[in-house]
C-alpha atoms as a PDB file:
ATOM      1  CA  LYS A   1      30.241 -17.358 140.199  1.00  0.00           C
ATOM      2  CA  THR A   2      29.007 -20.937 140.229  1.00  0.00           C
ATOM      3  CA  ILE A   3      31.675 -23.544 140.754  1.00  0.00           C
ATOM      4  CA  LEU A   4      31.717 -24.372 137.051  1.00  0.00           C
ATOM      5  CA  SER A   5      32.698 -20.822 136.143  1.00  0.00           C
ATOM      6  CA  HIS A   6      35.580 -20.263 138.575  1.00  0.00           C
ATOM      7  CA  LYS A   7      36.956 -21.011 142.015  1.00  0.00           C
ATOM      8  CA  HIS A   8      36.367 -18.552 144.812  1.00  0.00           C
ATOM      9  CA  SER A   9      37.066 -18.497 148.512  1.00  0.00           C
ATOM     10  CA  ARG A  10      33.566 -17.881 149.901  1.00  0.00           C
ATOM     11  CA  VAL A  11      30.475 -19.913 149.126  1.00  0.00           C
ATOM     12  CA  THR A  12      27.280 -17.971 148.423  1.00  0.00           C
ATOM     13  CA  ILE A  13      24.081 -19.421 149.858  1.00  0.00           C
ATOM     14  CA  ALA A  14      20.809 -17.867 148.801  1.00  0.00           C
ATOM     15  CA  LEU A  15      17.111 -17.954 149.342  1.00  0.00           C
ATOM     16  CA  ALA A  16      15.386 -16.510 146.275  1.00  0.00           C
ATOM     17  CA  GLY A  17      12.063 -15.982 144.592  1.00  0.00           C
ATOM     18  CA  ILE A  18       8.996 -14.864 146.475  1.00  0.00           C
ATOM     19  CA  VAL A  19      10.437 -14.149 149.910  1.00  0.00           C
ATOM     20  CA  ALA A  20       7.979 -15.585 152.420  1.00  0.00           C
ATOM     21  CA  GLY A  21       8.172 -17.048 155.900  1.00  0.00           C
ATOM     22  CA  VAL A  22       7.149 -20.488 154.640  1.00  0.00           C
ATOM     23  CA  LYS A  23      10.338 -20.745 152.603  1.00  0.00           C
ATOM     24  CA  GLY A  24      12.801 -21.385 155.398  1.00  0.00           C
ATOM     25  CA  ILE A  25      14.032 -17.960 156.476  1.00  0.00           C
ATOM     26  CA  HIS A  26      14.695 -19.310 159.969  1.00  0.00           C
ATOM     27  CA  LEU A  27      17.006 -21.895 158.334  1.00  0.00           C
ATOM     28  CA  ILE A  28      18.982 -19.001 156.853  1.00  0.00           C
ATOM     29  CA  GLU A  29      19.176 -17.533 160.365  1.00  0.00           C
ATOM     30  CA  GLN A  30      20.676 -20.785 161.660  1.00  0.00           C
ATOM     31  CA  ILE A  31      23.217 -20.904 158.846  1.00  0.00           C
ATOM     32  CA  ALA A  32      24.133 -17.239 159.424  1.00  0.00           C
ATOM     33  CA  ASN A  33      24.853 -18.038 163.067  1.00  0.00           C
ATOM     34  CA  ALA A  34      26.769 -21.270 162.409  1.00  0.00           C
ATOM     35  CA  HIS A  35      30.460 -21.669 163.190  1.00  0.00           C
ATOM     36  CA  TYR A  36      31.291 -21.772 159.462  1.00  0.00           C
ATOM     37  CA  ALA A  37      29.507 -18.469 158.675  1.00  0.00           C
ATOM     38  CA  ASN A  38      32.844 -16.765 158.011  1.00  0.00           C
ATOM     39  CA  ARG A  39      33.260 -18.987 154.916  1.00  0.00           C
ATOM     40  CA  ILE A  40      29.962 -18.013 153.324  1.00  0.00           C
ATOM     41  CA  GLU A  41      27.990 -15.124 151.940  1.00  0.00           C
ATOM     42  CA  ILE A  42      24.231 -15.199 152.359  1.00  0.00           C
ATOM     43  CA  ASP A  43      21.880 -13.452 149.954  1.00  0.00           C
ATOM     44  CA  ILE A  44      18.119 -13.276 150.046  1.00  0.00           C
ATOM     45  CA  PHE A  45      16.626 -11.832 146.900  1.00  0.00           C
ATOM     46  CA  GLY A  46      13.280 -11.626 145.241  1.00  0.00           C
ATOM     47  CA  TYR A  47       9.833 -10.200 145.713  1.00  0.00           C
ATOM     48  CA  ILE A  48       9.094  -9.202 149.293  1.00  0.00           C
ATOM     49  CA  GLN A  49       5.847  -7.497 150.183  1.00  0.00           C
ATOM     50  CA  SER A  50       5.624  -7.825 153.951  1.00  0.00           C
ATOM     51  CA  PRO A  51       7.318  -4.953 155.848  1.00  0.00           C
ATOM     52  CA  GLU A  52       7.568  -7.194 158.929  1.00  0.00           C
ATOM     53  CA  LEU A  53       9.334  -9.943 157.013  1.00  0.00           C
ATOM     54  CA  ARG A  54      11.650  -7.416 155.378  1.00  0.00           C
ATOM     55  CA  GLN A  55      12.576  -6.064 158.810  1.00  0.00           C
ATOM     56  CA  LYS A  56      13.200  -9.600 160.100  1.00  0.00           C
ATOM     57  CA  VAL A  57      15.462 -10.464 157.141  1.00  0.00           C
ATOM     58  CA  GLU A  58      17.373  -7.199 157.477  1.00  0.00           C
ATOM     59  CA  SER A  59      18.063  -8.016 161.131  1.00  0.00           C
ATOM     60  CA  ILE A  60      19.834 -11.306 160.374  1.00  0.00           C
ATOM     61  CA  PRO A  61      23.593 -10.718 160.734  1.00  0.00           C
ATOM     62  CA  GLY A  62      25.634 -11.288 157.584  1.00  0.00           C
ATOM     63  CA  VAL A  63      22.627 -11.496 155.258  1.00  0.00           C
ATOM     64  CA  THR A  64      22.266  -9.245 152.240  1.00  0.00           C
ATOM     65  CA  LEU A  65      18.680  -8.559 151.185  1.00  0.00           C
ATOM     66  CA  ILE A  66      17.994  -7.498 147.614  1.00  0.00           C
ATOM     67  CA  ALA A  67      14.274  -6.737 147.570  1.00  0.00           C
ATOM     68  CA  ASN A  68      12.264  -6.725 144.363  1.00  0.00           C
ATOM     69  CA  PRO A  69      15.136  -7.005 141.855  1.00  0.00           C
ATOM     70  CA  THR A  70      14.490  -6.628 138.141  1.00  0.00           C
ATOM     71  CA  ASP A  71      14.354  -9.844 136.119  1.00  0.00           C
ATOM     72  CA  PHE A  72      17.907  -9.185 134.904  1.00  0.00           C
ATOM     73  CA  GLU A  73      19.158  -8.555 138.448  1.00  0.00           C
ATOM     74  CA  PHE A  74      17.383 -11.683 139.668  1.00  0.00           C
ATOM     75  CA  GLN A  75      19.024 -13.866 136.995  1.00  0.00           C
ATOM     76  CA  THR A  76      22.424 -12.271 137.677  1.00  0.00           C
ATOM     77  CA  LEU A  77      22.134 -12.877 141.422  1.00  0.00           C
ATOM     78  CA  LEU A  78      20.973 -16.434 140.811  1.00  0.00           C
ATOM     79  CA  ARG A  79      23.918 -17.100 138.502  1.00  0.00           C
ATOM     80  CA  GLU A  80      26.284 -15.840 141.224  1.00  0.00           C
ATOM     81  CA  THR A  81      24.825 -18.237 143.800  1.00  0.00           C
ATOM     82  CA  ASP A  82      26.548 -21.492 144.743  1.00  0.00           C
ATOM     83  CA  ILE A  83      23.823 -23.073 146.897  1.00  0.00           C
ATOM     84  CA  LEU A  84      20.123 -22.260 146.741  1.00  0.00           C
ATOM     85  CA  LEU A  85      18.069 -23.178 149.782  1.00  0.00           C
ATOM     86  CA  ASN A  86      14.504 -23.850 148.605  1.00  0.00           C
ATOM     87  CA  TYR A  87      13.018 -25.652 151.590  1.00  0.00           C
ATOM     88  CA  ARG A  88       9.255 -25.119 151.694  1.00  0.00           C
ATOM     89  CA  MET A  89       7.847 -25.346 155.196  1.00  0.00           C
ATOM     90  CA  GLN A  90       4.362 -25.846 153.746  1.00  0.00           C
ATOM     91  CA  TYR A  91       3.736 -27.529 150.426  1.00  0.00           C
ATOM     92  CA  ASN A  92       0.560 -27.141 148.412  1.00  0.00           C
ATOM     93  CA  GLY A  93       1.463 -28.933 145.178  1.00  0.00           C
ATOM     94  CA  GLU A  94       3.374 -26.059 143.626  1.00  0.00           C
ATOM     95  CA  THR A  95       6.519 -26.205 141.500  1.00  0.00           C
ATOM     96  CA  SER A  96       9.364 -23.687 141.436  1.00  0.00           C
ATOM     97  CA  LEU A  97      10.610 -21.712 138.474  1.00  0.00           C
ATOM     98  CA  THR A  98      13.368 -20.374 140.737  1.00  0.00           C
ATOM     99  CA  VAL A  99      14.674 -23.929 141.238  1.00  0.00           C
ATOM    100  CA  ILE A 100      14.639 -24.630 137.485  1.00  0.00           C
ATOM    101  CA  GLU A 101      16.387 -21.335 136.722  1.00  0.00           C
ATOM    102  CA  ALA A 102      18.964 -22.015 139.439  1.00  0.00           C
ATOM    103  CA  MET A 103      19.611 -25.454 137.966  1.00  0.00           C
ATOM    104  CA  ARG A 104      19.948 -23.843 134.509  1.00  0.00           C
ATOM    105  CA  HIS A 105      22.831 -21.802 135.969  1.00  0.00           C
ATOM    106  CA  GLY A 106      24.375 -24.831 137.675  1.00  0.00           C
ATOM    107  CA  VAL A 107      23.405 -23.713 141.167  1.00  0.00           C
ATOM    108  CA  VAL A 108      23.249 -26.554 143.667  1.00  0.00           C
ATOM    109  CA  THR A 109      19.784 -26.586 145.197  1.00  0.00           C
ATOM    110  CA  ILE A 110      18.620 -28.012 148.504  1.00  0.00           C
ATOM    111  CA  VAL A 111      14.922 -28.934 148.401  1.00  0.00           C
ATOM    112  CA  ARG A 112      12.458 -30.623 150.672  1.00  0.00           C
ATOM    113  CA  ASP A 113      11.801 -34.133 149.389  1.00  0.00           C
ATOM    114  CA  ILE A 114       8.097 -33.667 148.723  1.00  0.00           C
ATOM    115  CA  GLY A 115       5.748 -33.482 145.735  1.00  0.00           C
ATOM    116  CA  TRP A 116       7.219 -32.042 142.547  1.00  0.00           C
ATOM    117  CA  TYR A 117      10.592 -31.578 144.238  1.00  0.00           C
ATOM    118  CA  SER A 118      10.779 -35.341 144.794  1.00  0.00           C
ATOM    119  CA  GLU A 119      10.563 -35.822 141.042  1.00  0.00           C
ATOM    120  CA  LEU A 120      13.812 -33.952 140.422  1.00  0.00           C
ATOM    121  CA  PRO A 121      16.805 -36.236 139.848  1.00  0.00           C
ATOM    122  CA  ASP A 122      18.748 -37.266 142.935  1.00  0.00           C
ATOM    123  CA  ASN A 123      22.042 -36.453 141.245  1.00  0.00           C
ATOM    124  CA  ALA A 124      20.984 -32.879 140.325  1.00  0.00           C
ATOM    125  CA  VAL A 125      19.537 -31.549 143.617  1.00  0.00           C
ATOM    126  CA  VAL A 126      19.977 -32.323 147.289  1.00  0.00           C
ATOM    127  CA  LYS A 127      16.727 -33.655 148.742  1.00  0.00           C
ATOM    128  CA  VAL A 128      16.160 -33.503 152.472  1.00  0.00           C
ATOM    129  CA  LYS A 129      13.395 -34.830 154.696  1.00  0.00           C
ATOM    130  CA  ASN A 130      13.546 -32.240 157.465  1.00  0.00           C
ATOM    131  CA  GLN A 131      14.978 -28.901 158.503  1.00  0.00           C
ATOM    132  CA  SER A 132      17.918 -30.390 160.402  1.00  0.00           C
ATOM    133  CA  ASP A 133      18.962 -32.268 157.283  1.00  0.00           C
ATOM    134  CA  ALA A 134      18.772 -29.030 155.265  1.00  0.00           C
ATOM    135  CA  ILE A 135      21.217 -27.312 157.641  1.00  0.00           C
ATOM    136  CA  HIS A 136      23.472 -30.375 157.708  1.00  0.00           C
ATOM    137  CA  GLU A 137      23.549 -30.692 153.907  1.00  0.00           C
ATOM    138  CA  ALA A 138      24.297 -26.981 153.513  1.00  0.00           C
ATOM    139  CA  ARG A 139      27.365 -27.391 155.726  1.00  0.00           C
ATOM    140  CA  LEU A 140      28.503 -30.491 153.822  1.00  0.00           C
ATOM    141  CA  LEU A 141      28.111 -28.694 150.494  1.00  0.00           C
ATOM    142  CA  ILE A 142      30.085 -25.697 151.725  1.00  0.00           C
ATOM    143  CA  GLU A 143      32.959 -28.034 152.570  1.00  0.00           C
ATOM    144  CA  ASN A 144      32.879 -30.175 149.423  1.00  0.00           C
ATOM    145  CA  ASP A 145      33.720 -28.402 146.140  1.00  0.00           C
ATOM    146  CA  GLU A 146      33.791 -31.680 144.206  1.00  0.00           C
ATOM    147  CA  ARG A 147      30.271 -32.652 145.268  1.00  0.00           C
ATOM    148  CA  ARG A 148      28.988 -29.183 144.376  1.00  0.00           C
ATOM    149  CA  MET A 149      30.647 -29.470 140.978  1.00  0.00           C
ATOM    150  CA  ASP A 150      29.052 -32.870 140.289  1.00  0.00           C
ATOM    151  CA  LEU A 151      25.597 -31.643 141.323  1.00  0.00           C
ATOM    152  CA  SER A 152      26.078 -28.473 139.290  1.00  0.00           C
ATOM    153  CA  ARG A 153      26.905 -30.376 136.113  1.00  0.00           C
ATOM    154  CA  ALA A 154      23.984 -32.771 136.594  1.00  0.00           C
ATOM    155  CA  ALA A 155      21.583 -29.857 137.163  1.00  0.00           C
ATOM    156  CA  ILE A 156      22.693 -28.152 133.950  1.00  0.00           C
ATOM    157  CA  ASP A 157      22.376 -31.399 132.004  1.00  0.00           C
ATOM    158  CA  TYR A 158      18.889 -32.050 133.408  1.00  0.00           C
ATOM    159  CA  VAL A 159      17.577 -28.603 132.506  1.00  0.00           C
ATOM    160  CA  ARG A 160      19.107 -28.788 129.035  1.00  0.00           C
ATOM    161  CA  GLU A 161      17.274 -32.053 128.455  1.00  0.00           C
ATOM    162  CA  TYR A 162      13.871 -31.296 129.997  1.00  0.00           C
ATOM    163  CA  TYR A 163      13.425 -27.542 130.440  1.00  0.00           C
ATOM    164  CA  THR A 164      14.612 -25.755 127.324  1.00  0.00           C
ATOM    165  CA  HIS A 165      13.021 -22.496 126.291  1.00  0.00           C
ATOM    166  CA  ARG A 166      11.981 -24.147 123.048  1.00  0.00           C
ATOM    167  CA  GLN A 167      10.136 -26.911 124.931  1.00  0.00           C
ATOM    168  CA  TYR A 168       8.348 -24.257 126.927  1.00  0.00           C
ATOM    169  CA  ALA A 169       7.291 -22.350 123.803  1.00  0.00           C
ATOM    170  CA  VAL A 170       5.995 -25.536 122.178  1.00  0.00           C
ATOM    171  CA  ALA A 171       4.066 -26.481 125.331  1.00  0.00           C
ATOM    172  CA  ILE A 172       2.215 -23.164 125.518  1.00  0.00           C
ATOM    173  CA  SER A 173       1.409 -22.959 121.810  1.00  0.00           C
END
């Protein structure tokens, strides 16, 4: 469903991976309640252990929660995403396989400009300094198919150059 595969009328925004409060769920709430919410679909999918967090996510209007999908389901949902919101409220030096896999599919990703995320190319992800910028950039991306297409192509090119499966196999051998 990414913009490179075909045009569609609604933009899918997702939060994916390990579903935790530190990953910007309240930002998804703000987007779900925005004036442009009728132009988007919002999916949250991945591993969720906390019953309280699950209940909170399920209470957000217009959000579809897919808890604990199989690897195949996860990749399928990721491929069908247009914009991935991966804004970490707290950062402890980690990287994100979900971001790399999203980029592999040409999904436009919004990240907090910190640590490893800062090292990603500016033309392949949208880097933001704060939560307000994340919401603002999401709205701009929803409205701009051409920008999403450019970012999508750059993300695919970046992953093809630096994150191939072969490179991974060589690195662990």
